[in-house]
Protein backbone atom coordinates (compact mmCIF):
# COMPACT_ATOMS: atom_id res chain seq x y z
CA MET A 1 -42.09 63.75 21.57
CA ARG A 2 -42.20 63.11 25.29
CA ILE A 3 -45.15 63.31 27.64
CA GLY A 4 -44.12 66.71 28.98
CA ALA A 5 -43.86 68.24 25.52
CA SER A 6 -47.24 66.79 24.59
CA LEU A 7 -48.87 68.23 27.69
CA PHE A 8 -47.26 71.59 26.95
CA LEU A 9 -48.67 71.61 23.41
CA ILE A 10 -52.10 70.67 24.73
CA ALA A 11 -51.98 73.49 27.29
CA VAL A 12 -50.83 76.10 24.76
CA GLY A 13 -53.44 74.90 22.27
CA ALA A 14 -56.19 75.13 24.88
CA VAL A 15 -55.17 78.66 25.81
CA LEU A 16 -55.11 79.75 22.18
CA LYS A 17 -58.43 78.05 21.43
CA TRP A 18 -60.50 79.17 24.40
CA ALA A 19 -58.75 82.00 26.25
CA VAL A 20 -57.38 84.30 23.55
CA THR A 21 -59.92 86.64 22.01
CA TYR A 22 -57.52 88.67 19.86
CA ARG A 23 -58.46 88.70 16.16
CA THR A 24 -55.99 89.04 13.32
CA SER A 25 -56.56 89.05 9.59
CA ASP A 26 -53.52 86.89 8.77
CA VAL A 27 -53.79 83.91 11.13
CA ASN A 28 -56.82 82.37 12.79
CA ILE A 29 -55.64 81.85 16.38
CA ASN A 30 -58.47 79.43 17.15
CA THR A 31 -57.33 77.18 14.30
CA VAL A 32 -53.73 77.26 15.54
CA GLY A 33 -54.99 76.30 18.99
CA THR A 34 -56.98 73.39 17.57
CA ILE A 35 -53.96 72.17 15.60
CA LEU A 36 -51.77 72.31 18.71
CA LEU A 37 -54.40 70.43 20.72
CA VAL A 38 -54.60 67.68 18.10
CA VAL A 39 -50.82 67.37 17.67
CA GLY A 40 -50.33 67.32 21.45
CA GLY A 41 -53.04 64.67 21.88
CA ILE A 42 -51.53 62.45 19.19
CA GLY A 43 -48.07 62.93 20.68
CA LEU A 44 -49.40 62.02 24.13
CA LEU A 45 -51.03 58.84 22.83
CA ILE A 46 -47.85 57.80 21.02
CA SER A 47 -45.71 58.58 24.08
CA LEU A 48 -47.97 56.56 26.36
CA PHE A 49 -48.03 53.65 23.90
CA LEU A 50 -44.24 53.60 23.61
CA TRP A 51 -43.83 53.97 27.37
CA ALA A 52 -46.19 51.06 28.02
CA SER A 53 -44.52 48.82 25.45
CA ALA A 54 -41.06 49.65 26.82
CA SER A 55 -42.09 48.86 30.38
CA THR A 56 -43.51 45.47 29.41
CA ARG A 57 -40.48 44.67 27.28
CA ASP A 58 -38.11 45.36 30.20
CA ARG A 59 -39.83 42.88 32.48
CA ARG A 60 -37.95 39.68 32.96
CA THR A 61 -39.21 36.46 34.41
CA TYR A 62 -36.84 34.57 36.62
CA VAL A 63 -37.54 30.98 37.46
CA ALA A 64 -35.79 29.69 40.54
CA ASP A 65 -34.68 26.09 40.41
CA ASP A 66 -36.23 23.92 43.05
CA VAL A 67 -33.29 22.54 44.99
CA ASP A 68 -35.39 19.82 46.60
CA ALA A 69 -36.63 18.38 43.32
CA GLU A 70 -35.37 14.95 42.31
CA VAL A 71 -33.49 14.72 39.06
């Protein structure tokens, strides 16, 4: 799951949890919103962790030889 998808799930979950007041007997919309918030938050944390580890793994250290050094 990418960062954009995680943010989308968080946004949809927040809308369902706090903005929708419709009641149904089959599905509790507040619970669905909470589940989407949690899944989106976990996905965001995993995405950020993988992004941070990939950016540190791609770094390379180059050491320039000192041409004036005596051998």
